[in-house]
Amino acid sequence: MRRASGLCYFLRTPSVSRSFERVVNRNVCLALTTSTRRYTEDTTEKLAEQAERGDADAAFALGEIYYTGKGTKIDVEKAIQLFHSSAEKGNANAQTFLAHCYEKGTGVSQDFTKAAELYKFASDQGNVKAQSNLGIFYAKGLGVTRDFSRAAELLQKSADQGHAFAQSNLATFYQHGIGVERDTKQAAKYFQLAAASGEPAYLYNLALCYENGDVLSQDMKKAVQLYHQCAEKGHAAAQSALGLCYREGRGVERNLEKSVEYLRLAADQGDAIGLSTLGTFYYMGSGVPQDFVSAVEYFKLAGDKGEPNALLNLGLCYYKGQGVTTDERKGFEFMKQAADTGYPRAMSHLGMCYEKAEGTKKDMEAAIKWYEKATEFGDATGMCRLAICYATGTGLSKNYYKAVELFRAAAEQGSADALFHLGVCYRNGLGVEKNPGEAIRYYQMAAERGHPEAMAMGGKLG
């Protein structure tokens, strides 16, 4: 399931987590926009005169000019002075802008407490941007005590006044039951309202709703249509998502050339998923000529952004010496980084590194720990490795019944290894009643999925 990544929330990660930190983007409070007007020198002079006479609105407008450089040279220090002057006179826009400066440490020392205080002043006057940003502050505990209910209340106020940023965040709250009762209908409503603003980030989030089918009925054609709208506006995550749709033939006819085109657009903007997937294409020779060196370059770029699949693939490349000089220690380090992000596949691979002493010392206790973590996430490889440990008594007390239970769970996901080992269990009566017919059936299923030992048995099956 892909996760939303609009202006303020949702990181796309391989694992599904309900923790707020995994749901809300760390770069919050981008609800602040500046005027698109450009001011003439005469206008600037008039505003300066009015500000000098104590006009709070003029002081704010002049501060905005100095802050953005629309009509004069940028002078953040002067802008801050004017925002302070206007804010002290109760101008809500100035309070909001100044709060943003304290939040980001722009022209002043970063101070979340001061930012929260200013957002409160503006919020109490009904400023929708301040209400929205203050809501995020409460959700993340920035300058205030974390309070999801208060966060939802503030976002609701702002959203009901038509503020798209708040609507999109509120939709996330309803989707995951953050500070409110989980309500997919309300989530869908606010995702759609936010998308009506035409902002690519909100259109993208609505596309995710249609793709994932969690708050709206799944509709891949509609999702692709929305991804196209976003991609045409240069939205990197949408370009990446569109590339994946073309790769998988979801909502569109499978087209590797188109897939590469959109993934490259996303990668050129530094999108981690685009970089990682393009790396996989070069590694596999899918849609592009096979090139391990290029694959590693893309994996490194994505890995630098913390993309777990890229980190895992980079680790595998170092283990295999593909595109880089073989270095098991480096391979282990990259796998550990990937596993530490909570990526189940990497957890399983890391467990194998500990079990087989590849790039690190043999440590069955650590291996079991990582297999168990991967199993908790439902990773078939982790389940299968843990089952083998139970079946052989490696690092654990021998328990054929537990082994069979895990092999079955992994086999349900199509694991060829698990199917083969179930065949072994039925052939020898390990944890199950001996049944040659069942053994043959599992061996055949494993062979159909390319399991080498099962395939080598060939005519012996039967």
Protein backbone atom coordinates (compact mmCIF):
# COMPACT_ATOMS: atom_id res chain seq x y z
CA MET A 1 0.00 0.00 0.00
CA ARG A 2 1.38 3.38 -0.94
CA ARG A 3 1.04 6.08 1.66
CA ALA A 4 0.09 9.71 1.09
CA SER A 5 2.78 12.37 1.06
CA GLY A 6 1.11 15.72 0.65
CA LEU A 7 2.27 19.05 1.98
CA CYS A 8 2.16 17.89 5.53
CA TYR A 9 1.70 14.21 6.06
CA PHE A 10 2.18 10.59 5.15
CA LEU A 11 5.53 9.12 4.32
CA ARG A 12 5.43 6.30 1.81
CA THR A 13 7.10 3.38 3.51
CA PRO A 14 6.99 -0.36 2.88
CA SER A 15 5.65 -1.11 6.34
CA VAL A 16 2.22 -0.09 7.60
CA SER A 17 2.41 1.73 10.92
CA ARG A 18 -0.29 3.51 12.84
CA SER A 19 2.17 5.61 14.84
CA PHE A 20 1.67 9.31 14.26
CA GLU A 21 5.32 9.80 13.35
CA ARG A 22 4.84 7.41 10.42
CA VAL A 23 1.65 9.16 9.34
CA VAL A 24 2.55 12.81 9.67
CA ASN A 25 5.34 14.19 7.54
CA ARG A 26 8.12 15.77 9.54
CA ASN A 27 8.03 18.92 7.39
CA VAL A 28 4.82 20.33 8.80
CA CYS A 29 3.26 23.75 8.78
CA LEU A 30 3.61 24.65 5.15
CA ALA A 31 0.17 26.22 5.20
CA LEU A 32 1.78 29.62 4.96
CA THR A 33 1.54 31.35 1.60
CA THR A 34 2.72 34.77 0.57
CA SER A 35 1.03 37.29 -1.65
CA THR A 36 1.61 36.86 -5.38
CA ARG A 37 1.36 40.63 -5.92
CA ARG A 38 4.40 42.65 -6.92
CA TYR A 39 4.65 46.14 -5.46
CA THR A 40 5.98 49.32 -7.10
CA GLU A 41 8.49 51.59 -5.39
CA ASP A 42 5.73 54.18 -4.83
CA THR A 43 3.53 51.59 -3.14
CA THR A 44 6.39 50.50 -0.92
CA GLU A 45 7.03 54.10 0.13
CA LYS A 46 3.35 54.65 0.93
CA LEU A 47 3.23 51.48 3.01
CA ALA A 48 6.36 52.60 4.86
CA GLU A 49 4.71 55.93 5.69
CA GLN A 50 1.54 54.20 6.90
CA ALA A 51 3.53 51.70 8.95
CA GLU A 52 5.48 54.56 10.52
CA ARG A 53 2.16 56.04 11.63
CA GLY A 54 1.29 52.77 13.40
CA ASP A 55 -0.85 51.07 10.74
CA ALA A 56 -0.58 47.34 11.58
CA ASP A 57 -1.88 46.18 8.19
CA ALA A 58 0.64 48.35 6.35
CA ALA A 59 3.46 47.09 8.57
CA PHE A 60 2.54 43.50 7.74
CA ALA A 61 2.27 44.19 3.99
CA LEU A 62 5.63 45.98 4.01
CA GLY A 63 7.17 43.14 6.00
CA GLU A 64 5.93 40.69 3.41
CA ILE A 65 7.56 42.78 0.66
CA TYR A 66 10.92 42.72 2.43
CA TYR A 67 10.54 39.02 3.19
CA THR A 68 9.75 37.98 -0.39
CA GLY A 69 11.61 40.65 -2.33
CA LYS A 70 8.50 41.50 -4.36
CA GLY A 71 9.08 45.19 -4.95
CA THR A 72 12.41 45.62 -3.17
CA LYS A 73 15.52 43.71 -2.17
CA ILE A 74 15.00 40.88 0.30
CA ASP A 75 15.73 42.00 3.86
CA VAL A 76 14.60 39.33 6.32
CA GLU A 77 15.82 41.28 9.35
CA LYS A 78 13.71 44.30 8.35
CA ALA A 79 10.77 42.02 7.60
CA ILE A 80 10.96 40.44 11.07
CA GLN A 81 10.98 43.89 12.69
CA LEU A 82 7.85 44.86 10.76
CA PHE A 83 6.11 41.56 11.55
CA HIS A 84 6.85 42.10 15.24
CA SER A 85 5.44 45.62 15.08
CA SER A 86 2.28 44.47 13.32
CA ALA A 87 1.85 41.35 15.49
CA GLU A 88 2.10 43.38 18.69
CA LYS A 89 -0.82 45.46 17.42
CA GLY A 90 -2.88 42.28 16.99
CA ASN A 91 -2.56 41.68 13.24
CA ALA A 92 -3.37 37.97 12.83
CA ASN A 93 -1.55 37.62 9.51
CA ALA A 94 1.60 39.10 11.01
CA GLN A 95 1.30 36.83 14.04
CA THR A 96 0.98 33.81 11.76
CA PHE A 97 3.89 34.83 9.55
CA LEU A 98 6.08 35.60 12.56
CA ALA A 99 5.14 32.27 14.13
CA HIS A 100 6.27 30.56 10.96
CA CYS A 101 9.61 32.38 11.17
CA TYR A 102 10.11 31.20 14.76
CA GLU A 103 9.08 27.69 13.75
CA LYS A 104 11.63 27.51 10.96
CA GLY A 105 14.31 29.69 12.54
CA THR A 106 14.11 32.17 9.67
CA GLY A 107 15.60 35.52 10.69
CA VAL A 108 15.23 34.56 14.36
CA SER A 109 16.39 31.73 16.60
CA GLN A 110 14.13 28.71 16.23
CA ASP A 111 11.65 28.71 19.10
CA PHE A 112 8.66 26.34 18.95
CA THR A 113 7.19 27.71 22.18
CA LYS A 114 7.17 31.27 20.80
CA ALA A 115 5.80 30.00 17.49
CA ALA A 116 2.98 28.15 19.25
CA GLU A 117 2.15 31.24 21.30
CA LEU A 118 1.87 33.39 18.18
CA TYR A 119 -0.17 30.76 16.34
CA LYS A 120 -2.56 30.74 19.33
CA PHE A 121 -3.01 34.52 19.19
CA ALA A 122 -3.80 34.38 15.47
CA SER A 123 -5.92 31.25 15.81
CA ASP A 124 -8.09 32.91 18.45
CA GLN A 125 -8.83 35.60 15.85
CA GLY A 126 -10.01 32.94 13.40
CA ASN A 127 -6.95 32.88 11.13
CA VAL A 128 -7.34 29.60 9.22
CA LYS A 129 -3.62 29.16 8.54
CA ALA A 130 -2.78 29.65 12.19
CA GLN A 131 -5.49 27.20 13.25
CA SER A 132 -4.17 24.60 10.85
CA ASN A 133 -0.54 25.04 11.84
CA LEU A 134 -1.35 25.12 15.54
CA GLY A 135 -3.27 21.89 15.04
CA ILE A 136 -0.12 20.27 13.68
CA PHE A 137 1.86 21.67 16.62
CA TYR A 138 -0.53 19.95 19.03
CA ALA A 139 -0.34 16.75 17.03
CA LYS A 140 3.44 16.70 17.19
CA GLY A 141 3.95 18.29 20.58
CA LEU A 142 5.90 21.27 19.23
CA GLY A 143 5.98 24.06 21.82
CA VAL A 144 2.85 22.62 23.45
CA THR A 145 1.89 19.38 25.16
CA ARG A 146 0.89 16.82 22.55
CA ASP A 147 -2.89 16.63 22.32
CA PHE A 148 -4.43 14.85 19.33
CA SER A 149 -7.99 15.84 20.27
CA ARG A 150 -7.07 19.52 20.38
CA ALA A 151 -5.19 19.08 17.10
CA ALA A 152 -8.25 17.60 15.43
CA GLU A 153 -10.46 20.37 16.82
CA LEU A 154 -8.24 23.09 15.35
CA LEU A 155 -7.92 21.35 12.01
CA GLN A 156 -11.70 20.94 11.91
CA LYS A 157 -12.18 24.70 12.43
CA SER A 158 -9.77 25.53 9.64
CA ALA A 159 -11.06 22.82 7.31
CA ASP A 160 -14.65 23.95 7.70
CA GLN A 161 -13.57 27.39 6.47
CA GLY A 162 -12.30 25.80 3.27
CA HIS A 163 -8.59 25.60 4.05
CA ALA A 164 -7.23 22.79 1.87
CA PHE A 165 -4.14 22.16 4.01
CA ALA A 166 -6.34 21.57 7.05
CA GLN A 167 -8.82 19.49 5.06
CA SER A 168 -6.07 17.17 3.88
CA ASN A 169 -4.64 16.74 7.37
CA LEU A 170 -8.08 16.27 8.89
CA ALA A 171 -8.77 13.58 6.32
CA THR A 172 -5.69 11.75 7.58
CA PHE A 173 -6.91 12.06 11.16
CA TYR A 174 -10.27 10.53 10.25
CA GLN A 175 -8.59 7.86 8.15
CA HIS A 176 -6.44 6.64 11.04
CA GLY A 177 -8.54 7.65 14.02
CA ILE A 178 -6.10 10.28 15.29
CA GLY A 179 -7.81 12.49 17.87
CA VAL A 180 -11.20 11.49 16.45
CA GLU A 181 -13.15 8.29 15.92
CA ARG A 182 -11.99 6.57 12.74
CA ASP A 183 -14.48 7.50 10.02
CA THR A 184 -13.66 6.59 6.43
CA LYS A 185 -16.62 8.56 5.07
CA GLN A 186 -15.38 11.74 6.71
CA ALA A 187 -11.85 10.95 5.54
CA ALA A 188 -13.06 10.56 1.96
CA LYS A 189 -15.05 13.79 2.23
CA TYR A 190 -12.08 15.88 3.33
CA PHE A 191 -9.63 14.24 0.92
CA GLN A 192 -12.02 15.19 -1.89
CA LEU A 193 -12.53 18.72 -0.59
CA ALA A 194 -8.77 19.26 -0.38
CA ALA A 195 -8.28 17.87 -3.88
CA ALA A 196 -10.88 20.31 -5.22
CA SER A 197 -8.30 23.05 -4.60
CA GLY A 198 -6.35 21.64 -7.54
CA GLU A 199 -3.12 21.46 -5.54
CA PRO A 200 -1.03 18.52 -6.84
CA ALA A 201 -0.25 17.25 -3.32
CA TYR A 202 -3.94 16.91 -2.49
CA LEU A 203 -4.84 15.41 -5.86
CA TYR A 204 -2.06 12.90 -5.21
CA ASN A 205 -3.50 11.96 -1.82
CA LEU A 206 -6.92 11.42 -3.39
CA ALA A 207 -5.28 9.22 -6.02
CA LEU A 208 -3.78 7.13 -3.22
CA CYS A 209 -7.25 6.70 -1.74
CA TYR A 210 -8.50 5.29 -5.03
CA GLU A 211 -5.44 3.07 -5.42
CA ASN A 212 -5.44 1.67 -1.88
CA GLY A 213 -9.21 1.33 -1.59
CA ASP A 214 -9.19 2.14 2.11
CA VAL A 215 -11.44 5.20 2.36
CA LEU A 216 -12.88 5.03 -1.17
CA SER A 217 -13.75 2.06 -3.36
CA GLN A 218 -10.64 0.97 -5.22
CA ASP A 219 -10.56 2.42 -8.72
CA MET A 220 -7.18 2.17 -10.41
CA LYS A 221 -8.31 3.99 -13.54
CA LYS A 222 -9.39 6.96 -11.45
CA ALA A 223 -6.14 6.77 -9.48
CA VAL A 224 -4.07 6.81 -12.67
CA GLN A 225 -6.10 9.72 -14.03
CA LEU A 226 -5.31 11.73 -10.90
CA TYR A 227 -1.66 10.68 -10.93
CA HIS A 228 -1.46 11.97 -14.51
CA GLN A 229 -2.88 15.35 -13.44
CA CYS A 230 -0.31 15.62 -10.67
CA ALA A 231 2.57 14.35 -12.79
CA GLU A 232 1.86 16.95 -15.47
CA LYS A 233 2.23 19.60 -12.75
CA GLY A 234 5.63 18.21 -11.82
CA HIS A 235 4.63 16.34 -8.66
CA ALA A 236 7.53 13.91 -8.12
CA ALA A 237 5.73 11.36 -5.95
CA ALA A 238 2.90 11.18 -8.50
CA GLN A 239 5.39 10.68 -11.32
CA SER A 240 6.91 7.84 -9.33
CA ALA A 241 3.50 6.31 -8.59
CA LEU A 242 2.55 6.58 -12.26
CA GLY A 243 5.79 4.86 -13.21
CA LEU A 244 4.91 1.98 -10.90
CA CYS A 245 1.41 1.74 -12.38
CA TYR A 246 2.86 1.44 -15.89
CA ARG A 247 5.37 -1.12 -14.63
CA GLU A 248 2.69 -3.28 -13.03
CA GLY A 249 -0.08 -2.63 -15.55
CA ARG A 250 -2.39 -1.31 -12.84
CA GLY A 251 -5.07 1.01 -14.18
CA VAL A 252 -3.20 1.26 -17.48
CA GLU A 253 -1.76 -1.13 -20.02
CA ARG A 254 1.68 -2.33 -18.94
CA ASN A 255 4.33 -0.20 -20.63
CA LEU A 256 7.93 -0.36 -19.42
CA GLU A 257 8.99 2.51 -21.66
CA LYS A 258 6.39 4.80 -20.08
CA SER A 259 7.30 3.46 -16.66
CA VAL A 260 10.95 4.39 -17.11
CA GLU A 261 9.95 7.81 -18.46
CA TYR A 262 7.93 8.74 -15.37
CA LEU A 263 10.35 7.15 -12.91
CA ARG A 264 13.17 9.15 -14.47
CA LEU A 265 11.17 12.37 -14.12
CA ALA A 266 10.62 11.56 -10.45
CA ALA A 267 14.24 10.54 -9.93
CA ASP A 268 15.47 13.77 -11.52
CA GLN A 269 13.61 15.60 -8.76
CA GLY A 270 15.20 13.41 -6.10
CA ASP A 271 12.15 11.28 -5.33
CA ALA A 272 13.41 8.33 -3.28
CA ILE A 273 10.93 5.79 -4.68
CA GLY A 274 11.70 6.90 -8.24
CA LEU A 275 15.44 6.61 -7.64
CA SER A 276 15.12 3.22 -5.96
CA THR A 277 12.80 1.75 -8.58
CA LEU A 278 14.92 3.05 -11.44
CA GLY A 279 17.88 1.37 -9.74
CA THR A 280 15.93 -1.89 -9.72
CA PHE A 281 15.21 -1.48 -13.44
CA TYR A 282 18.91 -1.11 -14.20
CA TYR A 283 19.71 -4.05 -11.95
CA MET A 284 17.16 -6.30 -13.67
CA GLY A 285 17.62 -4.89 -17.17
CA SER A 286 13.91 -4.11 -17.21
CA GLY A 287 12.97 -1.33 -19.64
CA VAL A 288 16.64 -0.29 -19.79
CA PRO A 289 19.88 -2.16 -20.57
CA GLN A 290 21.16 -4.08 -17.54
CA ASP A 291 23.80 -1.99 -15.80
CA PHE A 292 24.86 -2.86 -12.25
CA VAL A 293 26.99 0.27 -11.90
CA SER A 294 24.03 2.54 -12.72
CA ALA A 295 21.82 0.45 -10.45
CA VAL A 296 24.20 1.00 -7.54
CA GLU A 297 24.35 4.74 -8.25
CA TYR A 298 20.56 5.01 -8.04
CA PHE A 299 20.41 2.79 -4.95
CA LYS A 300 22.97 5.05 -3.26
CA LEU A 301 21.01 8.20 -4.10
CA ALA A 302 17.80 6.67 -2.78
CA GLY A 303 19.59 5.15 0.20
CA ASP A 304 20.93 8.57 1.17
CA LYS A 305 17.28 9.57 1.55
CA GLY A 306 16.61 6.58 3.78
CA GLU A 307 14.62 4.55 1.24
CA PRO A 308 14.69 1.05 2.80
CA ASN A 309 14.40 -1.05 -0.36
CA ALA A 310 17.32 0.84 -1.89
CA LEU A 311 19.40 0.28 1.25
CA LEU A 312 18.61 -3.44 1.14
CA ASN A 313 19.44 -3.71 -2.56
CA LEU A 314 22.64 -1.76 -2.02
CA GLY A 315 23.58 -4.22 0.70
CA LEU A 316 22.91 -7.15 -1.63
CA CYS A 317 25.05 -5.55 -4.35
CA TYR A 318 27.98 -5.28 -1.94
CA TYR A 319 27.51 -8.90 -0.89
CA LYS A 320 27.43 -10.09 -4.50
CA GLY A 321 30.00 -7.66 -5.89
CA GLN A 322 27.56 -6.36 -8.49
CA GLY A 323 28.41 -2.83 -9.62
CA VAL A 324 30.82 -2.50 -6.69
CA THR A 325 33.77 -4.39 -5.24
CA THR A 326 32.58 -7.19 -2.97
CA ASP A 327 32.49 -5.99 0.63
CA GLU A 328 30.39 -8.08 3.00
CA ARG A 329 30.95 -5.70 5.89
CA LYS A 330 29.51 -2.78 3.90
CA GLY A 331 26.70 -5.01 2.71
CA PHE A 332 25.85 -5.85 6.30
CA GLU A 333 25.88 -2.17 7.30
CA PHE A 334 23.42 -1.22 4.56
CA MET A 335 21.14 -4.13 5.44
CA LYS A 336 21.21 -3.08 9.09
CA GLN A 337 20.20 0.46 8.08
CA ALA A 338 17.32 -0.93 6.02
CA ALA A 339 16.17 -3.22 8.84
CA ASP A 340 16.31 -0.39 11.36
CA THR A 341 13.71 1.52 9.29
CA GLY A 342 11.24 -1.29 10.03
CA TYR A 343 11.46 -2.91 6.59
CA PRO A 344 10.47 -6.60 7.01
CA ARG A 345 12.40 -7.93 4.00
CA ALA A 346 15.58 -6.34 5.31
CA MET A 347 14.94 -7.81 8.76
CA SER A 348 14.87 -11.30 7.26
CA HIS A 349 18.06 -10.72 5.28
CA LEU A 350 19.79 -9.27 8.32
CA GLY A 351 18.82 -12.34 10.30
CA MET A 352 20.47 -14.50 7.65
CA CYS A 353 23.63 -12.39 7.87
CA TYR A 354 23.83 -13.10 11.60
CA GLU A 355 23.00 -16.78 11.12
CA LYS A 356 25.56 -17.33 8.36
CA ALA A 357 28.22 -14.92 9.69
CA GLU A 358 28.17 -12.86 6.50
CA GLY A 359 29.65 -9.42 7.09
CA THR A 360 29.40 -9.89 10.85
CA LYS A 361 30.06 -12.45 13.57
CA LYS A 362 27.73 -15.43 13.82
CA ASP A 363 25.04 -14.61 16.37
CA MET A 364 22.03 -16.92 16.45
CA GLU A 365 20.34 -14.92 19.18
CA ALA A 366 20.41 -11.82 16.95
CA ALA A 367 19.34 -13.91 13.94
CA ILE A 368 16.30 -15.26 15.79
CA LYS A 369 15.41 -11.76 17.00
CA TRP A 370 15.34 -10.39 13.46
CA TYR A 371 13.47 -13.42 12.10
CA GLU A 372 10.85 -12.93 14.80
CA LYS A 373 10.53 -9.22 14.00
CA ALA A 374 10.11 -9.98 10.30
CA THR A 375 7.54 -12.65 11.15
CA GLU A 376 5.53 -10.14 13.19
CA PHE A 377 5.21 -8.10 9.98
CA GLY A 378 4.16 -11.20 8.04
CA ASP A 379 7.31 -11.50 5.94
CA ALA A 380 7.38 -14.94 4.31
CA THR A 381 11.18 -15.21 4.28
CA GLY A 382 11.39 -14.40 7.98
CA MET A 383 8.67 -16.95 8.73
CA CYS A 384 10.44 -19.63 6.73
CA ARG A 385 13.84 -18.99 8.33
CA LEU A 386 12.29 -19.03 11.81
CA ALA A 387 10.47 -22.26 10.96
CA ILE A 388 13.76 -23.87 9.91
CA CYS A 389 15.28 -22.85 13.24
CA TYR A 390 12.40 -24.57 15.05
CA ALA A 391 12.62 -27.64 12.82
CA THR A 392 16.37 -28.05 13.29
CA GLY A 393 16.65 -26.80 16.85
CA THR A 394 19.04 -24.07 15.74
CA GLY A 395 19.04 -21.31 18.33
CA LEU A 396 15.67 -22.53 19.61
CA SER A 397 14.24 -25.66 21.20
CA LYS A 398 13.23 -28.07 18.46
CA ASN A 399 9.49 -27.78 17.79
CA TYR A 400 8.15 -29.38 14.61
CA TYR A 401 4.58 -28.24 15.28
CA LYS A 402 5.63 -24.60 15.49
CA ALA A 403 7.78 -25.09 12.39
CA VAL A 404 4.85 -26.46 10.39
CA GLU A 405 2.65 -23.58 11.54
CA LEU A 406 5.19 -21.06 10.26
CA PHE A 407 5.84 -22.97 7.03
CA ARG A 408 2.10 -22.92 6.33
CA ALA A 409 1.86 -19.17 6.94
CA ALA A 410 4.76 -18.54 4.57
CA ALA A 411 3.40 -21.00 1.99
CA GLU A 412 0.11 -19.10 1.91
CA GLN A 413 2.13 -16.19 0.53
CA GLY A 414 3.56 -18.44 -2.18
CA SER A 415 7.00 -19.03 -0.63
CA ALA A 416 8.69 -21.79 -2.63
CA ASP A 417 11.02 -22.58 0.28
CA ALA A 418 8.09 -22.98 2.66
CA LEU A 419 6.23 -25.22 0.21
CA PHE A 420 9.30 -27.41 -0.19
CA HIS A 421 9.82 -27.73 3.57
CA LEU A 422 6.16 -28.60 4.07
CA GLY A 423 6.75 -31.40 1.60
CA VAL A 424 9.66 -32.58 3.74
CA CYS A 425 7.48 -32.46 6.86
CA TYR A 426 4.72 -34.53 5.24
CA ARG A 427 7.20 -37.00 3.77
CA ASN A 428 8.83 -37.63 7.16
CA GLY A 429 5.89 -37.04 9.48
CA LEU A 430 7.48 -34.04 11.21
CA GLY A 431 4.85 -32.02 13.07
CA VAL A 432 2.14 -33.58 10.88
CA GLU A 433 0.91 -37.06 10.14
CA LYS A 434 3.08 -38.73 7.51
CA ASN A 435 1.41 -38.36 4.10
CA PRO A 436 3.40 -39.11 0.91
CA GLY A 437 0.60 -37.76 -1.29
CA GLU A 438 0.63 -34.38 0.46
CA ALA A 439 4.41 -34.36 0.34
CA ILE A 440 4.34 -34.79 -3.44
CA ARG A 441 1.71 -32.05 -3.79
CA TYR A 442 3.85 -29.55 -1.89
CA TYR A 443 7.01 -30.56 -3.77
CA GLN A 444 5.19 -29.98 -7.06
CA MET A 445 3.96 -26.54 -5.97
CA ALA A 446 7.49 -25.65 -4.90
CA ALA A 447 8.87 -26.85 -8.24
CA GLU A 448 6.30 -24.75 -10.12
CA ARG A 449 7.66 -21.73 -8.26
CA GLY A 450 11.23 -22.52 -9.27
CA HIS A 451 12.55 -24.16 -6.09
CA PRO A 452 15.82 -25.82 -7.25
CA GLU A 453 15.69 -28.90 -5.01
CA ALA A 454 12.05 -29.55 -5.84
CA MET A 455 12.76 -29.10 -9.56
CA ALA A 456 15.75 -31.45 -9.34
CA MET A 457 13.49 -34.18 -7.97
CA GLY A 458 11.71 -34.16 -11.35
CA GLY A 459 10.35 -37.58 -12.21
CA LYS A 460 10.92 -38.82 -8.66
CA LEU A 461 7.72 -37.02 -7.68
CA GLY A 462 4.97 -39.54 -7.95
